[in-house]
């Protein structure tokens, strides 16, 4: 990611949750531990179905007396409705601030040049009272700034940053193995743990119960994780939605996201999986991208 460049992510949405019961409310819902989040640490988390299927993912950032939830803008209204369904009598206020706030990304090198920063995923500082946080999923995704639209350009000027093409950022994210576009295509089609939430710091297996916890823990503890979401690269042809991926006549996966940065759910078990092979996907030939974080615990 280029130094002194910034990517303005107009396709990200922002919710703000506050109120006396906010911590308890979120702790009972999300896959990560809200107690990890404070003025110096943000986290990646998800909201699953009761069966452990993927519904929503977001980054949680402490701000004043509440929390920002930053997610893909196309799902922000559905997330807002889902959280309100769970609210019941809780003293919690949920606001959709997507028309007032924007998310921008600056490179890790730029972030680390600022005062009081650390090279720790999720590490958070304030810049003119706005949070800047190193992406909690993977530090190579750079740092993110949530800021009011009215303050954006002055803050970017003070940081000496120039706007760059967001496609560069999303391409880099996909190659790292992290989808951020069209994540609604994953809803109810894949278990949360199959989306690599554990490897991307999005699940806390030591916290108490949350929605979908039972199946998620069972898959983990019984070593039942046999499929994973991977970025796929086109060799020839066009990649289309829901196309089956085959190696000769054996089915090994299915395309779930087919747009610019396609992702597929792949039958995968261990380090013996051969990422050097070409696979057939409808009329296309593809390769499955091997993310650098996949074997981080075994290297």
C-alpha atoms as a PDB file:
ATOM      1  CA  UNK A   1       0.000   0.000   0.000  1.00  0.00           C
ATOM      2  CA  UNK A   2       1.430   3.348  -1.073  1.00  0.00           C
ATOM      3  CA  UNK A   3       2.832   5.705   1.547  1.00  0.00           C
ATOM      4  CA  UNK A   4       1.086   9.094   1.835  1.00  0.00           C
ATOM      5  CA  UNK A   5      -1.922   7.819  -0.103  1.00  0.00           C
ATOM      6  CA  UNK A   6      -5.411   7.371   1.286  1.00  0.00           C
ATOM      7  CA  UNK A   7      -8.345   5.297   0.059  1.00  0.00           C
ATOM      8  CA  UNK A   8     -11.775   6.815   0.752  1.00  0.00           C
ATOM      9  CA  UNK A   9     -14.190   3.904   1.165  1.00  0.00           C
ATOM     10  CA  UNK A  10     -17.528   5.379   0.205  1.00  0.00           C
ATOM     11  CA  UNK A  11     -19.040   1.873   0.200  1.00  0.00           C
ATOM     12  CA  UNK A  12     -18.597   1.459   3.964  1.00  0.00           C
ATOM     13  CA  UNK A  13     -21.350   2.203   6.454  1.00  0.00           C
ATOM     14  CA  UNK A  14     -21.206   3.241  10.110  1.00  0.00           C
ATOM     15  CA  UNK A  15     -23.556   2.481  13.010  1.00  0.00           C
ATOM     16  CA  UNK A  16     -23.178   3.979  16.470  1.00  0.00           C
ATOM     17  CA  UNK A  17     -24.351   2.066  19.541  1.00  0.00           C
ATOM     18  CA  UNK A  18     -24.544   3.614  22.998  1.00  0.00           C
ATOM     19  CA  UNK A  19     -26.503   3.363  26.232  1.00  0.00           C
ATOM     20  CA  UNK A  20     -26.255   1.800  29.676  1.00  0.00           C
ATOM     21  CA  UNK A  21     -26.653  -1.793  28.458  1.00  0.00           C
ATOM     22  CA  UNK A  22     -24.445  -1.558  25.349  1.00  0.00           C
ATOM     23  CA  UNK A  23     -21.571  -3.774  26.516  1.00  0.00           C
ATOM     24  CA  UNK A  24     -23.879  -6.511  27.798  1.00  0.00           C
ATOM     25  CA  UNK A  25     -26.017  -6.265  24.646  1.00  0.00           C
ATOM     26  CA  UNK A  26     -23.082  -6.696  22.258  1.00  0.00           C
ATOM     27  CA  UNK A  27     -21.356  -9.346  24.371  1.00  0.00           C
ATOM     28  CA  UNK A  28     -24.391 -11.628  24.077  1.00  0.00           C
ATOM     29  CA  UNK A  29     -24.523 -11.257  20.290  1.00  0.00           C
ATOM     30  CA  UNK A  30     -21.107 -10.997  18.684  1.00  0.00           C
ATOM     31  CA  UNK A  31     -18.436 -13.634  18.024  1.00  0.00           C
ATOM     32  CA  UNK A  32     -15.658 -11.589  19.627  1.00  0.00           C
ATOM     33  CA  UNK A  33     -15.216 -10.219  23.165  1.00  0.00           C
ATOM     34  CA  UNK A  34     -16.422  -6.647  23.584  1.00  0.00           C
ATOM     35  CA  UNK A  35     -14.251  -6.367  26.704  1.00  0.00           C
ATOM     36  CA  UNK A  36     -11.211  -6.272  24.398  1.00  0.00           C
ATOM     37  CA  UNK A  37     -12.354  -2.968  22.924  1.00  0.00           C
ATOM     38  CA  UNK A  38     -11.236   0.306  24.494  1.00  0.00           C
ATOM     39  CA  UNK A  39      -9.723   3.621  23.469  1.00  0.00           C
ATOM     40  CA  UNK A  40      -6.514   1.845  22.372  1.00  0.00           C
ATOM     41  CA  UNK A  41      -7.891  -1.365  20.853  1.00  0.00           C
ATOM     42  CA  UNK A  42     -10.534  -2.129  18.227  1.00  0.00           C
ATOM     43  CA  UNK A  43     -11.705  -5.562  17.110  1.00  0.00           C
ATOM     44  CA  UNK A  44     -13.171  -7.499  14.199  1.00  0.00           C
ATOM     45  CA  UNK A  45     -16.372  -9.447  14.925  1.00  0.00           C
ATOM     46  CA  UNK A  46     -19.404 -11.044  13.342  1.00  0.00           C
ATOM     47  CA  UNK A  47     -23.073 -11.624  13.980  1.00  0.00           C
ATOM     48  CA  UNK A  48     -24.096 -15.190  13.135  1.00  0.00           C
ATOM     49  CA  UNK A  49     -27.366 -17.066  12.869  1.00  0.00           C
ATOM     50  CA  UNK A  50     -28.307 -19.343  15.810  1.00  0.00           C
ATOM     51  CA  UNK A  51     -26.932 -22.218  13.679  1.00  0.00           C
ATOM     52  CA  UNK A  52     -23.560 -20.470  13.316  1.00  0.00           C
ATOM     53  CA  UNK A  53     -24.078 -19.362   9.711  1.00  0.00           C
ATOM     54  CA  UNK A  54     -22.557 -16.077   8.521  1.00  0.00           C
ATOM     55  CA  UNK A  55     -24.824 -13.015   8.614  1.00  0.00           C
ATOM     56  CA  UNK A  56     -22.783  -9.832   9.131  1.00  0.00           C
ATOM     57  CA  UNK A  57     -19.201  -8.818   9.833  1.00  0.00           C
ATOM     58  CA  UNK A  58     -17.945  -5.500  11.160  1.00  0.00           C
ATOM     59  CA  UNK A  59     -15.136  -3.701  12.967  1.00  0.00           C
ATOM     60  CA  UNK A  60     -15.961  -2.354  16.431  1.00  0.00           C
ATOM     61  CA  UNK A  61     -14.278   0.885  17.533  1.00  0.00           C
ATOM     62  CA  UNK A  62     -14.675   2.632  20.885  1.00  0.00           C
ATOM     63  CA  UNK A  63     -15.871   6.221  20.481  1.00  0.00           C
ATOM     64  CA  UNK A  64     -16.883   8.479  23.357  1.00  0.00           C
ATOM     65  CA  UNK A  65     -19.470   6.595  25.453  1.00  0.00           C
ATOM     66  CA  UNK A  66     -20.347   4.047  22.787  1.00  0.00           C
ATOM     67  CA  UNK A  67     -19.034   2.113  19.804  1.00  0.00           C
ATOM     68  CA  UNK A  68     -18.800   2.566  16.056  1.00  0.00           C
ATOM     69  CA  UNK A  69     -19.673  -0.544  14.039  1.00  0.00           C
ATOM     70  CA  UNK A  70     -18.091  -0.216  10.610  1.00  0.00           C
ATOM     71  CA  UNK A  71     -19.367  -2.544   7.855  1.00  0.00           C
ATOM     72  CA  UNK A  72     -20.130  -2.741   4.154  1.00  0.00           C
ATOM     73  CA  UNK A  73     -22.677  -0.027   3.384  1.00  0.00           C
ATOM     74  CA  UNK A  74     -24.948  -2.278   1.306  1.00  0.00           C
ATOM     75  CA  UNK A  75     -25.723  -4.372   4.410  1.00  0.00           C
ATOM     76  CA  UNK A  76     -25.781  -1.588   7.012  1.00  0.00           C
ATOM     77  CA  UNK A  77     -29.575  -1.175   6.985  1.00  0.00           C
ATOM     78  CA  UNK A  78     -30.105  -4.917   7.452  1.00  0.00           C
ATOM     79  CA  UNK A  79     -27.575  -4.972  10.306  1.00  0.00           C
ATOM     80  CA  UNK A  80     -29.364  -2.002  11.878  1.00  0.00           C
ATOM     81  CA  UNK A  81     -32.693  -3.878  11.722  1.00  0.00           C
ATOM     82  CA  UNK A  82     -31.191  -7.115  13.060  1.00  0.00           C
ATOM     83  CA  UNK A  83     -29.624  -5.397  16.049  1.00  0.00           C
ATOM     84  CA  UNK A  84     -32.902  -3.652  16.822  1.00  0.00           C
ATOM     85  CA  UNK A  85     -34.697  -7.009  16.773  1.00  0.00           C
ATOM     86  CA  UNK A  86     -32.352  -8.235  19.504  1.00  0.00           C
ATOM     87  CA  UNK A  87     -32.583  -5.018  21.518  1.00  0.00           C
ATOM     88  CA  UNK A  88     -35.914  -5.810  23.223  1.00  0.00           C
ATOM     89  CA  UNK A  89     -35.948  -3.845  26.520  1.00  0.00           C
ATOM     90  CA  UNK A  90     -32.212  -3.158  26.632  1.00  0.00           C
ATOM     91  CA  UNK A  91     -31.242   0.463  27.264  1.00  0.00           C
ATOM     92  CA  UNK A  92     -29.398   0.763  23.970  1.00  0.00           C
ATOM     93  CA  UNK A  93     -29.591   3.387  21.221  1.00  0.00           C
ATOM     94  CA  UNK A  94     -28.570   2.408  17.686  1.00  0.00           C
ATOM     95  CA  UNK A  95     -27.966   5.141  15.107  1.00  0.00           C
ATOM     96  CA  UNK A  96     -27.172   4.794  11.413  1.00  0.00           C
ATOM     97  CA  UNK A  97     -24.535   7.472  10.741  1.00  0.00           C
ATOM     98  CA  UNK A  98     -23.576   6.274   7.254  1.00  0.00           C
ATOM     99  CA  UNK A  99     -24.595   9.574   5.656  1.00  0.00           C
ATOM    100  CA  UNK A 100     -22.547  11.609   8.132  1.00  0.00           C
ATOM    101  CA  UNK A 101     -19.353   9.590   8.587  1.00  0.00           C
ATOM    102  CA  UNK A 102     -16.914   8.064   6.138  1.00  0.00           C
ATOM    103  CA  UNK A 103     -14.187   5.418   6.434  1.00  0.00           C
ATOM    104  CA  UNK A 104     -10.754   6.033   4.920  1.00  0.00           C
ATOM    105  CA  UNK A 105      -7.698   3.773   4.760  1.00  0.00           C
ATOM    106  CA  UNK A 106      -4.072   4.833   5.070  1.00  0.00           C
ATOM    107  CA  UNK A 107      -1.023   2.612   4.766  1.00  0.00           C
ATOM    108  CA  UNK A 108       0.516   0.828   7.726  1.00  0.00           C
ATOM    109  CA  UNK A 109       3.770   2.746   7.247  1.00  0.00           C
ATOM    110  CA  UNK A 110       1.899   6.044   7.411  1.00  0.00           C
ATOM    111  CA  UNK A 111       0.032   4.927  10.541  1.00  0.00           C
ATOM    112  CA  UNK A 112       3.252   3.887  12.283  1.00  0.00           C
ATOM    113  CA  UNK A 113       4.791   7.293  11.512  1.00  0.00           C
ATOM    114  CA  UNK A 114       2.162   8.923  13.731  1.00  0.00           C
ATOM    115  CA  UNK A 115       2.754   9.472  17.453  1.00  0.00           C
ATOM    116  CA  UNK A 116       1.938   6.767  19.997  1.00  0.00           C
ATOM    117  CA  UNK A 117       1.205   4.010  17.465  1.00  0.00           C
ATOM    118  CA  UNK A 118       2.079   0.306  17.659  1.00  0.00           C
ATOM    119  CA  UNK A 119       2.342  -2.393  15.002  1.00  0.00           C
ATOM    120  CA  UNK A 120      -0.458  -4.406  16.609  1.00  0.00           C
ATOM    121  CA  UNK A 121      -3.656  -5.328  14.718  1.00  0.00           C
ATOM    122  CA  UNK A 122      -6.523  -3.285  16.122  1.00  0.00           C
ATOM    123  CA  UNK A 123      -4.267  -0.749  17.861  1.00  0.00           C
ATOM    124  CA  UNK A 124      -6.138   2.554  18.010  1.00  0.00           C
ATOM    125  CA  UNK A 125      -5.191   6.202  18.470  1.00  0.00           C
ATOM    126  CA  UNK A 126      -7.062   9.482  18.161  1.00  0.00           C
ATOM    127  CA  UNK A 127      -6.361  12.096  15.501  1.00  0.00           C
ATOM    128  CA  UNK A 128      -8.267  15.332  16.073  1.00  0.00           C
ATOM    129  CA  UNK A 129     -10.635  13.306  18.300  1.00  0.00           C
ATOM    130  CA  UNK A 130     -11.336  10.741  15.540  1.00  0.00           C
ATOM    131  CA  UNK A 131     -10.233   7.084  15.807  1.00  0.00           C
ATOM    132  CA  UNK A 132      -7.497   5.681  13.575  1.00  0.00           C
ATOM    133  CA  UNK A 133      -6.992   1.939  14.013  1.00  0.00           C
ATOM    134  CA  UNK A 134      -4.676  -0.610  12.442  1.00  0.00           C
ATOM    135  CA  UNK A 135      -6.969  -3.112  10.760  1.00  0.00           C
ATOM    136  CA  UNK A 136      -7.685  -5.828  13.373  1.00  0.00           C
ATOM    137  CA  UNK A 137      -7.966  -8.539  10.703  1.00  0.00           C
ATOM    138  CA  UNK A 138      -4.496  -8.119   9.198  1.00  0.00           C
ATOM    139  CA  UNK A 139      -2.073  -5.232   9.613  1.00  0.00           C
ATOM    140  CA  UNK A 140      -1.148  -5.295   5.901  1.00  0.00           C
ATOM    141  CA  UNK A 141      -4.623  -3.864   5.237  1.00  0.00           C
ATOM    142  CA  UNK A 142      -3.345  -0.616   6.741  1.00  0.00           C
ATOM    143  CA  UNK A 143      -5.139   1.659   9.185  1.00  0.00           C
ATOM    144  CA  UNK A 144      -8.682   2.967   9.041  1.00  0.00           C
ATOM    145  CA  UNK A 145     -10.033   6.378   9.995  1.00  0.00           C
ATOM    146  CA  UNK A 146     -13.700   6.967  10.853  1.00  0.00           C
ATOM    147  CA  UNK A 147     -14.419  10.656  10.475  1.00  0.00           C
ATOM    148  CA  UNK A 148     -17.270  13.097   9.936  1.00  0.00           C
ATOM    149  CA  UNK A 149     -17.541  14.057   6.275  1.00  0.00           C
ATOM    150  CA  UNK A 150     -17.200  17.745   7.137  1.00  0.00           C
ATOM    151  CA  UNK A 151     -13.784  17.137   8.716  1.00  0.00           C
ATOM    152  CA  UNK A 152     -12.447  14.646   6.173  1.00  0.00           C
ATOM    153  CA  UNK A 153     -10.524  16.833   3.746  1.00  0.00           C
ATOM    154  CA  UNK A 154      -8.905  19.027   6.414  1.00  0.00           C
ATOM    155  CA  UNK A 155      -7.727  15.946   8.337  1.00  0.00           C
ATOM    156  CA  UNK A 156      -6.329  14.330   5.184  1.00  0.00           C
ATOM    157  CA  UNK A 157      -4.512  17.580   4.419  1.00  0.00           C
ATOM    158  CA  UNK A 158      -3.013  17.683   7.930  1.00  0.00           C
ATOM    159  CA  UNK A 159      -1.903  14.060   7.477  1.00  0.00           C
ATOM    160  CA  UNK A 160      -0.391  14.992   4.081  1.00  0.00           C
ATOM    161  CA  UNK A 161      -2.389  12.266   2.306  1.00  0.00           C
ATOM    162  CA  UNK A 162      -3.522  12.133  -1.315  1.00  0.00           C
ATOM    163  CA  UNK A 163      -6.580  10.204  -2.455  1.00  0.00           C
ATOM    164  CA  UNK A 164      -5.946   7.073  -4.514  1.00  0.00           C
ATOM    165  CA  UNK A 165      -8.044   4.537  -6.458  1.00  0.00           C
ATOM    166  CA  UNK A 166     -10.002   2.324  -4.038  1.00  0.00           C
ATOM    167  CA  UNK A 167      -9.708  -0.595  -6.484  1.00  0.00           C
ATOM    168  CA  UNK A 168      -6.018  -0.801  -5.565  1.00  0.00           C
ATOM    169  CA  UNK A 169      -7.016  -1.308  -1.940  1.00  0.00           C
ATOM    170  CA  UNK A 170      -9.723  -3.887  -2.590  1.00  0.00           C
ATOM    171  CA  UNK A 171      -7.459  -5.847  -4.936  1.00  0.00           C
ATOM    172  CA  UNK A 172      -4.779  -5.937  -2.230  1.00  0.00           C
ATOM    173  CA  UNK A 173      -7.361  -7.035   0.353  1.00  0.00           C
ATOM    174  CA  UNK A 174      -8.588  -9.875  -1.880  1.00  0.00           C
ATOM    175  CA  UNK A 175      -5.035 -11.084  -2.503  1.00  0.00           C
ATOM    176  CA  UNK A 176      -4.453 -11.158   1.263  1.00  0.00           C
ATOM    177  CA  UNK A 177      -7.574 -13.347   1.378  1.00  0.00           C
ATOM    178  CA  UNK A 178     -10.094 -10.957   2.917  1.00  0.00           C
ATOM    179  CA  UNK A 179     -13.360 -10.132   1.096  1.00  0.00           C
ATOM    180  CA  UNK A 180     -14.845  -6.689   1.695  1.00  0.00           C
ATOM    181  CA  UNK A 181     -17.134  -6.305  -1.335  1.00  0.00           C
ATOM    182  CA  UNK A 182     -20.463  -8.123  -1.813  1.00  0.00           C
ATOM    183  CA  UNK A 183     -20.250  -9.867   1.545  1.00  0.00           C
ATOM    184  CA  UNK A 184     -24.052 -10.170   1.456  1.00  0.00           C
ATOM    185  CA  UNK A 185     -23.512 -13.093  -0.932  1.00  0.00           C
ATOM    186  CA  UNK A 186     -22.124 -15.061   2.018  1.00  0.00           C
ATOM    187  CA  UNK A 187     -25.208 -14.663   4.198  1.00  0.00           C
ATOM    188  CA  UNK A 188     -26.668 -18.029   5.256  1.00  0.00           C
ATOM    189  CA  UNK A 189     -24.473 -19.770   2.640  1.00  0.00           C
ATOM    190  CA  UNK A 190     -21.473 -20.532   4.820  1.00  0.00           C
ATOM    191  CA  UNK A 191     -20.630 -21.061   8.468  1.00  0.00           C
ATOM    192  CA  UNK A 192     -18.921 -18.087  10.086  1.00  0.00           C
ATOM    193  CA  UNK A 193     -15.876 -20.138  11.026  1.00  0.00           C
ATOM    194  CA  UNK A 194     -15.524 -21.186   7.356  1.00  0.00           C
ATOM    195  CA  UNK A 195     -14.985 -17.488   6.534  1.00  0.00           C
ATOM    196  CA  UNK A 196     -11.670 -17.672   8.438  1.00  0.00           C
ATOM    197  CA  UNK A 197     -12.987 -15.590  11.317  1.00  0.00           C
ATOM    198  CA  UNK A 198     -10.617 -17.316  13.734  1.00  0.00           C
ATOM    199  CA  UNK A 199      -7.489 -16.608  11.666  1.00  0.00           C
ATOM    200  CA  UNK A 200      -8.600 -13.008  11.128  1.00  0.00           C
ATOM    201  CA  UNK A 201      -9.053 -12.382  14.862  1.00  0.00           C
ATOM    202  CA  UNK A 202     -12.850 -12.370  14.669  1.00  0.00           C
ATOM    203  CA  UNK A 203     -13.734 -15.145  17.150  1.00  0.00           C
ATOM    204  CA  UNK A 204     -12.982 -15.437  20.851  1.00  0.00           C
ATOM    205  CA  UNK A 205     -13.388 -19.088  21.883  1.00  0.00           C
ATOM    206  CA  UNK A 206     -12.852 -18.205  25.544  1.00  0.00           C
ATOM    207  CA  UNK A 207     -15.776 -15.808  25.937  1.00  0.00           C
ATOM    208  CA  UNK A 208     -19.243 -16.848  27.044  1.00  0.00           C
ATOM    209  CA  UNK A 209     -22.271 -17.607  24.897  1.00  0.00           C
ATOM    210  CA  UNK A 210     -23.238 -15.598  21.837  1.00  0.00           C
ATOM    211  CA  UNK A 211     -25.550 -16.203  18.889  1.00  0.00           C
ATOM    212  CA  UNK A 212     -24.232 -19.213  16.933  1.00  0.00           C
ATOM    213  CA  UNK A 213     -21.601 -20.091  19.552  1.00  0.00           C
ATOM    214  CA  UNK A 214     -22.591 -23.743  20.000  1.00  0.00           C
ATOM    215  CA  UNK A 215     -22.093 -24.871  16.394  1.00  0.00           C
ATOM    216  CA  UNK A 216     -19.024 -22.671  15.966  1.00  0.00           C
ATOM    217  CA  UNK A 217     -17.354 -24.259  19.004  1.00  0.00           C
ATOM    218  CA  UNK A 218     -18.367 -27.765  17.903  1.00  0.00           C
ATOM    219  CA  UNK A 219     -16.800 -27.340  14.452  1.00  0.00           C
ATOM    220  CA  UNK A 220     -13.607 -26.058  16.085  1.00  0.00           C
ATOM    221  CA  UNK A 221     -13.292 -28.569  18.916  1.00  0.00           C
ATOM    222  CA  UNK A 222     -14.225 -31.638  16.860  1.00  0.00           C
ATOM    223  CA  UNK A 223     -11.938 -30.615  13.995  1.00  0.00           C
ATOM    224  CA  UNK A 224     -14.874 -30.501  11.580  1.00  0.00           C
ATOM    225  CA  UNK A 225     -13.623 -27.513   9.598  1.00  0.00           C
ATOM    226  CA  UNK A 226     -13.278 -28.986   6.105  1.00  0.00           C
ATOM    227  CA  UNK A 227     -14.190 -25.933   3.989  1.00  0.00           C
ATOM    228  CA  UNK A 228     -12.777 -22.422   3.819  1.00  0.00           C
ATOM    229  CA  UNK A 229     -13.454 -19.221   1.941  1.00  0.00           C
ATOM    230  CA  UNK A 230     -10.605 -18.439  -0.475  1.00  0.00           C
ATOM    231  CA  UNK A 231      -9.894 -15.787  -3.088  1.00  0.00           C
ATOM    232  CA  UNK A 232      -9.791 -17.279  -6.583  1.00  0.00           C
ATOM    233  CA  UNK A 233      -7.889 -15.959  -9.590  1.00  0.00           C
ATOM    234  CA  UNK A 234      -9.060 -16.300 -13.161  1.00  0.00           C
ATOM    235  CA  UNK A 235      -6.663 -18.021 -15.571  1.00  0.00           C
ATOM    236  CA  UNK A 236      -9.062 -18.076 -18.530  1.00  0.00           C
ATOM    237  CA  UNK A 237     -12.798 -17.523 -19.072  1.00  0.00           C
ATOM    238  CA  UNK A 238     -15.349 -15.758 -16.844  1.00  0.00           C
ATOM    239  CA  UNK A 239     -16.124 -16.598 -13.226  1.00  0.00           C
ATOM    240  CA  UNK A 240     -19.862 -16.686 -12.510  1.00  0.00           C
ATOM    241  CA  UNK A 241     -22.033 -16.921  -9.385  1.00  0.00           C
ATOM    242  CA  UNK A 242     -22.689 -20.334  -7.859  1.00  0.00           C
ATOM    243  CA  UNK A 243     -20.536 -22.185 -10.373  1.00  0.00           C
ATOM    244  CA  UNK A 244     -19.126 -25.478  -9.111  1.00  0.00           C
ATOM    245  CA  UNK A 245     -15.334 -25.819  -8.984  1.00  0.00           C
ATOM    246  CA  UNK A 246     -13.936 -29.174 -10.058  1.00  0.00           C
ATOM    247  CA  UNK A 247     -10.620 -30.970 -10.272  1.00  0.00           C
ATOM    248  CA  UNK A 248     -11.205 -33.391 -13.131  1.00  0.00           C
ATOM    249  CA  UNK A 249     -14.652 -34.782 -12.176  1.00  0.00           C
ATOM    250  CA  UNK A 250     -14.324 -34.213  -8.437  1.00  0.00           C
ATOM    251  CA  UNK A 251     -16.259 -31.287  -6.936  1.00  0.00           C
ATOM    252  CA  UNK A 252     -14.031 -29.271  -4.599  1.00  0.00           C
ATOM    253  CA  UNK A 253     -15.871 -25.979  -4.157  1.00  0.00           C
ATOM    254  CA  UNK A 254     -18.386 -23.347  -5.240  1.00  0.00           C
ATOM    255  CA  UNK A 255     -18.182 -19.667  -6.200  1.00  0.00           C
ATOM    256  CA  UNK A 256     -19.992 -17.456  -3.677  1.00  0.00           C
ATOM    257  CA  UNK A 257     -18.754 -13.999  -4.702  1.00  0.00           C
ATOM    258  CA  UNK A 258     -18.114 -13.577  -8.430  1.00  0.00           C
ATOM    259  CA  UNK A 259     -17.620  -9.849  -8.997  1.00  0.00           C
ATOM    260  CA  UNK A 260     -14.212  -8.136  -9.441  1.00  0.00           C
ATOM    261  CA  UNK A 261     -12.706  -9.989  -6.512  1.00  0.00           C
ATOM    262  CA  UNK A 262     -14.180 -13.529  -6.523  1.00  0.00           C
ATOM    263  CA  UNK A 263     -14.250 -15.797  -3.488  1.00  0.00           C
ATOM    264  CA  UNK A 264     -15.213 -19.456  -3.268  1.00  0.00           C
ATOM    265  CA  UNK A 265     -15.966 -21.963  -0.534  1.00  0.00           C
ATOM    266  CA  UNK A 266     -13.350 -24.674  -1.020  1.00  0.00           C
ATOM    267  CA  UNK A 267     -13.216 -28.190   0.409  1.00  0.00           C
ATOM    268  CA  UNK A 268      -9.973 -27.931   2.283  1.00  0.00           C
ATOM    269  CA  UNK A 269      -8.509 -29.901   5.145  1.00  0.00           C
ATOM    270  CA  UNK A 270      -4.807 -29.302   5.771  1.00  0.00           C
ATOM    271  CA  UNK A 271      -1.437 -28.173   4.416  1.00  0.00           C
ATOM    272  CA  UNK A 272      -1.477 -30.999   1.863  1.00  0.00           C
ATOM    273  CA  UNK A 273      -3.930 -29.022  -0.276  1.00  0.00           C
ATOM    274  CA  UNK A 274      -2.210 -28.206  -3.571  1.00  0.00           C
ATOM    275  CA  UNK A 275      -2.574 -24.510  -4.357  1.00  0.00           C
ATOM    276  CA  UNK A 276      -0.473 -24.877  -7.512  1.00  0.00           C
ATOM    277  CA  UNK A 277      -3.181 -26.753  -9.415  1.00  0.00           C
ATOM    278  CA  UNK A 278      -5.548 -25.280 -11.975  1.00  0.00           C
ATOM    279  CA  UNK A 279      -9.250 -25.961 -11.398  1.00  0.00           C
ATOM    280  CA  UNK A 280     -12.251 -25.912 -13.727  1.00  0.00           C
ATOM    281  CA  UNK A 281     -15.139 -23.580 -12.856  1.00  0.00           C
ATOM    282  CA  UNK A 282     -17.885 -23.681 -15.476  1.00  0.00           C
ATOM    283  CA  UNK A 283     -16.232 -22.330 -18.625  1.00  0.00           C
ATOM    284  CA  UNK A 284     -13.385 -20.777 -16.641  1.00  0.00           C
ATOM    285  CA  UNK A 285     -10.038 -22.077 -15.425  1.00  0.00           C
ATOM    286  CA  UNK A 286      -9.002 -20.734 -12.010  1.00  0.00           C
ATOM    287  CA  UNK A 287      -6.351 -20.898  -9.329  1.00  0.00           C
ATOM    288  CA  UNK A 288      -7.069 -20.794  -5.609  1.00  0.00           C
ATOM    289  CA  UNK A 289      -5.038 -18.181  -3.760  1.00  0.00           C
ATOM    290  CA  UNK A 290      -3.018 -19.327  -0.758  1.00  0.00           C
ATOM    291  CA  UNK A 291      -3.197 -16.634   1.966  1.00  0.00           C
ATOM    292  CA  UNK A 292      -0.037 -15.901   3.957  1.00  0.00           C
ATOM    293  CA  UNK A 293      -1.872 -16.244   7.288  1.00  0.00           C
ATOM    294  CA  UNK A 294      -3.187 -19.765   6.659  1.00  0.00           C
ATOM    295  CA  UNK A 295      -0.444 -21.696   8.439  1.00  0.00           C
ATOM    296  CA  UNK A 296       0.722 -18.964  10.800  1.00  0.00           C
ATOM    297  CA  UNK A 297       0.248 -21.234  13.831  1.00  0.00           C
ATOM    298  CA  UNK A 298       2.229 -24.108  12.355  1.00  0.00           C
ATOM    299  CA  UNK A 299       5.192 -22.338  10.774  1.00  0.00           C
END
